[in-house]
Protein backbone atom coordinates (compact mmCIF):
# COMPACT_ATOMS: atom_id res chain seq x y z
CA MET A 1 46.14 96.59 108.73
CA LEU A 2 47.94 99.78 109.67
CA GLY A 3 49.13 98.17 112.91
CA VAL A 4 50.70 95.25 111.01
CA LEU A 5 52.53 97.60 108.64
CA LYS A 6 53.73 99.67 111.59
CA ILE A 7 55.12 96.56 113.32
CA ALA A 8 56.72 95.28 110.08
CA GLY A 9 58.32 98.70 109.53
CA LEU A 10 59.69 98.75 113.07
CA VAL A 11 61.10 95.24 112.64
CA VAL A 12 62.82 96.26 109.38
CA LEU A 13 64.12 99.44 110.99
CA ALA A 14 65.44 97.48 113.97
CA ALA A 15 67.13 94.96 111.65
CA VAL A 16 68.83 97.75 109.69
CA ALA A 17 69.94 99.44 112.92
CA ILE A 18 71.39 96.17 114.26
CA LEU A 19 73.21 95.57 110.96
CA LEU A 20 74.68 99.09 110.99
CA ILE A 21 75.78 98.80 114.62
CA TYR A 22 77.37 95.40 113.96
CA SER A 23 79.20 96.61 110.85
CA ALA A 24 80.47 99.68 112.73
CA THR A 25 82.17 97.43 115.28
CA ARG A 26 84.05 95.37 112.66
CA PRO A 27 87.63 96.27 111.69
CA ASP A 28 87.95 98.35 108.52
CA GLN A 29 90.97 96.37 107.29
CA PHE A 30 91.69 92.69 107.07
CA ARG A 31 94.34 90.41 105.65
CA ILE A 32 94.09 87.00 104.06
CA THR A 33 97.30 85.00 103.84
CA ARG A 34 98.19 81.61 102.48
CA ARG A 35 101.45 79.73 102.80
CA VAL A 36 102.76 76.85 100.72
CA THR A 37 106.06 75.07 101.16
CA ILE A 38 107.58 73.80 97.92
CA GLN A 39 109.99 70.93 98.37
CA ALA A 40 112.47 71.99 95.67
CA PRO A 41 115.64 74.08 95.59
CA PRO A 42 115.38 77.71 94.45
CA ASP A 43 117.34 77.11 91.23
CA VAL A 44 114.57 74.72 90.09
CA ILE A 45 111.70 77.04 91.08
CA TYR A 46 113.05 80.42 89.96
CA PRO A 47 112.83 79.83 86.19
CA HIS A 48 109.08 79.21 86.60
CA ILE A 49 108.46 82.53 88.35
CA GLY A 50 111.34 84.75 87.18
CA ASP A 51 110.33 84.70 83.51
CA LEU A 52 106.82 85.93 82.68
CA ARG A 53 106.56 83.61 79.68
CA ARG A 54 107.19 80.58 81.92
CA PHE A 55 105.00 82.09 84.67
CA ASN A 56 101.99 82.17 82.36
CA GLU A 57 102.40 78.46 81.60
CA TRP A 58 101.01 77.71 85.10
CA ASN A 59 99.34 81.01 86.07
CA PRO A 60 95.76 80.09 87.10
CA PHE A 61 94.44 83.55 86.16
CA ALA A 62 95.85 83.28 82.63
CA LYS A 63 94.35 79.79 82.31
CA ALA A 64 90.94 81.06 83.48
CA ASP A 65 90.56 83.04 80.25
CA PRO A 66 92.25 81.14 77.42
CA SER A 67 91.03 83.68 74.85
CA SER A 68 93.05 86.52 76.42
CA ASN A 69 95.89 87.95 74.39
CA ILE A 70 99.20 88.41 76.18
CA ALA A 71 101.90 90.65 74.75
CA TYR A 72 105.34 90.68 76.34
CA GLY A 73 107.61 93.70 76.62
CA ALA A 74 111.19 93.98 75.41
CA SER A 75 112.20 91.76 78.30
CA SER A 76 109.99 89.16 79.93
CA ALA A 77 112.43 88.12 82.65
CA GLY A 78 114.02 89.74 85.68
CA VAL A 79 113.90 93.41 86.60
CA GLY A 80 112.01 95.38 83.95
CA GLY A 81 110.20 92.33 82.58
CA SER A 82 106.66 93.14 81.57
CA TYR A 83 103.55 91.90 79.84
CA HIS A 84 100.07 93.15 79.18
């Protein structure tokens, strides 16, 4: 019985050591990118992203929680536009 526990402990210890060695060789930073090409001129697209009120009409994160309350700042468009 003691021999089985000793072997199981060594296997677990070896697995942890292998995992630590593997994770030490991985890069500490990574980047995920995604690219989409929209077939529309900028003057059609900008109103949907330049104004936070229009942005939240299609924002998938805002749609994920429909019970969230959004309050807009003094300006919701352009530089200085804000919401919380």
